C-alpha cells in the first residue's frame, strides 16, 4: 500500500527521514555546526495517523 499523507509537509518529512535512514543523505562536517543539536532537532518531529493518513 502506498502511504497517504495529509499534506505535502508530512510527505516531505517522511521521505527525508527515510532517505537519512537509508544513508542516501549525508551531512558534510562543517565548522560551527552543532551536529548533536541538529540531530535532536531533526529527529524530534512526531507524527500520528488520522483517518488513514499521516
C-alpha atoms as a PDB file:
ATOM      1  CA  UNK A   1       0.000   0.000   0.000  1.00  0.00           C
ATOM      2  CA  UNK A   2       1.165   3.481  -0.831  1.00  0.00           C
ATOM      3  CA  UNK A   3       1.370   5.749   2.214  1.00  0.00           C
ATOM      4  CA  UNK A   4      -1.120   8.582   2.217  1.00  0.00           C
ATOM      5  CA  UNK A   5      -0.247  11.958   3.644  1.00  0.00           C
ATOM      6  CA  UNK A   6      -2.490  14.738   4.898  1.00  0.00           C
ATOM      7  CA  UNK A   7      -0.302  17.382   3.262  1.00  0.00           C
ATOM      8  CA  UNK A   8       2.940  17.939   1.391  1.00  0.00           C
ATOM      9  CA  UNK A   9       4.812  18.871   4.586  1.00  0.00           C
ATOM     10  CA  UNK A  10       4.079  15.462   6.131  1.00  0.00           C
ATOM     11  CA  UNK A  11       5.152  13.707   2.940  1.00  0.00           C
ATOM     12  CA  UNK A  12       8.401  15.691   2.727  1.00  0.00           C
ATOM     13  CA  UNK A  13       9.317  14.978   6.390  1.00  0.00           C
ATOM     14  CA  UNK A  14       8.613  11.265   5.906  1.00  0.00           C
ATOM     15  CA  UNK A  15      10.653  10.995   2.712  1.00  0.00           C
ATOM     16  CA  UNK A  16      13.572  12.991   4.107  1.00  0.00           C
ATOM     17  CA  UNK A  17      13.689  10.816   7.229  1.00  0.00           C
ATOM     18  CA  UNK A  18      13.621   7.683   5.085  1.00  0.00           C
ATOM     19  CA  UNK A  19      16.494   8.985   2.945  1.00  0.00           C
ATOM     20  CA  UNK A  20      18.596   9.727   6.056  1.00  0.00           C
ATOM     21  CA  UNK A  21      17.829   6.236   7.415  1.00  0.00           C
ATOM     22  CA  UNK A  22      18.911   4.657   4.121  1.00  0.00           C
ATOM     23  CA  UNK A  23      22.076   6.812   4.188  1.00  0.00           C
ATOM     24  CA  UNK A  24      21.027   8.388   0.883  1.00  0.00           C
ATOM     25  CA  UNK A  25      21.593  11.802   2.502  1.00  0.00           C
ATOM     26  CA  UNK A  26      24.768  12.561   4.420  1.00  0.00           C
ATOM     27  CA  UNK A  27      25.793  15.760   6.154  1.00  0.00           C
ATOM     28  CA  UNK A  28      29.218  17.180   5.424  1.00  0.00           C
ATOM     29  CA  UNK A  29      31.093  18.204   8.561  1.00  0.00           C
ATOM     30  CA  UNK A  30      31.372  21.968   8.762  1.00  0.00           C
ATOM     31  CA  UNK A  31      32.941  24.107  11.468  1.00  0.00           C
ATOM     32  CA  UNK A  32      30.474  25.877  13.728  1.00  0.00           C
ATOM     33  CA  UNK A  33      27.623  23.393  13.262  1.00  0.00           C
ATOM     34  CA  UNK A  34      26.331  21.670  16.395  1.00  0.00           C
ATOM     35  CA  UNK A  35      25.603  18.253  14.875  1.00  0.00           C
ATOM     36  CA  UNK A  36      24.217  16.672  18.036  1.00  0.00           C
ATOM     37  CA  UNK A  37      21.756  19.552  18.404  1.00  0.00           C
ATOM     38  CA  UNK A  38      20.824  19.300  14.720  1.00  0.00           C
ATOM     39  CA  UNK A  39      20.297  15.545  15.087  1.00  0.00           C
ATOM     40  CA  UNK A  40      17.980  16.103  18.080  1.00  0.00           C
ATOM     41  CA  UNK A  41      16.008  18.794  16.271  1.00  0.00           C
ATOM     42  CA  UNK A  42      15.568  16.773  13.085  1.00  0.00           C
ATOM     43  CA  UNK A  43      14.532  13.625  14.935  1.00  0.00           C
ATOM     44  CA  UNK A  44      12.130  15.325  17.346  1.00  0.00           C
ATOM     45  CA  UNK A  45       9.304  15.643  14.810  1.00  0.00           C
ATOM     46  CA  UNK A  46       6.479  13.263  15.648  1.00  0.00           C
ATOM     47  CA  UNK A  47       3.502  12.110  13.643  1.00  0.00           C
ATOM     48  CA  UNK A  48       0.141  10.461  14.027  1.00  0.00           C
ATOM     49  CA  UNK A  49      -2.186   8.701  11.665  1.00  0.00           C
ATOM     50  CA  UNK A  50      -5.674  10.146  11.434  1.00  0.00           C
ATOM     51  CA  UNK A  51      -8.351   8.861   9.080  1.00  0.00           C
ATOM     52  CA  UNK A  52      -5.776   6.620   7.417  1.00  0.00           C
ATOM     53  CA  UNK A  53      -3.412   9.478   6.584  1.00  0.00           C
ATOM     54  CA  UNK A  54      -0.165  10.535   8.137  1.00  0.00           C
END
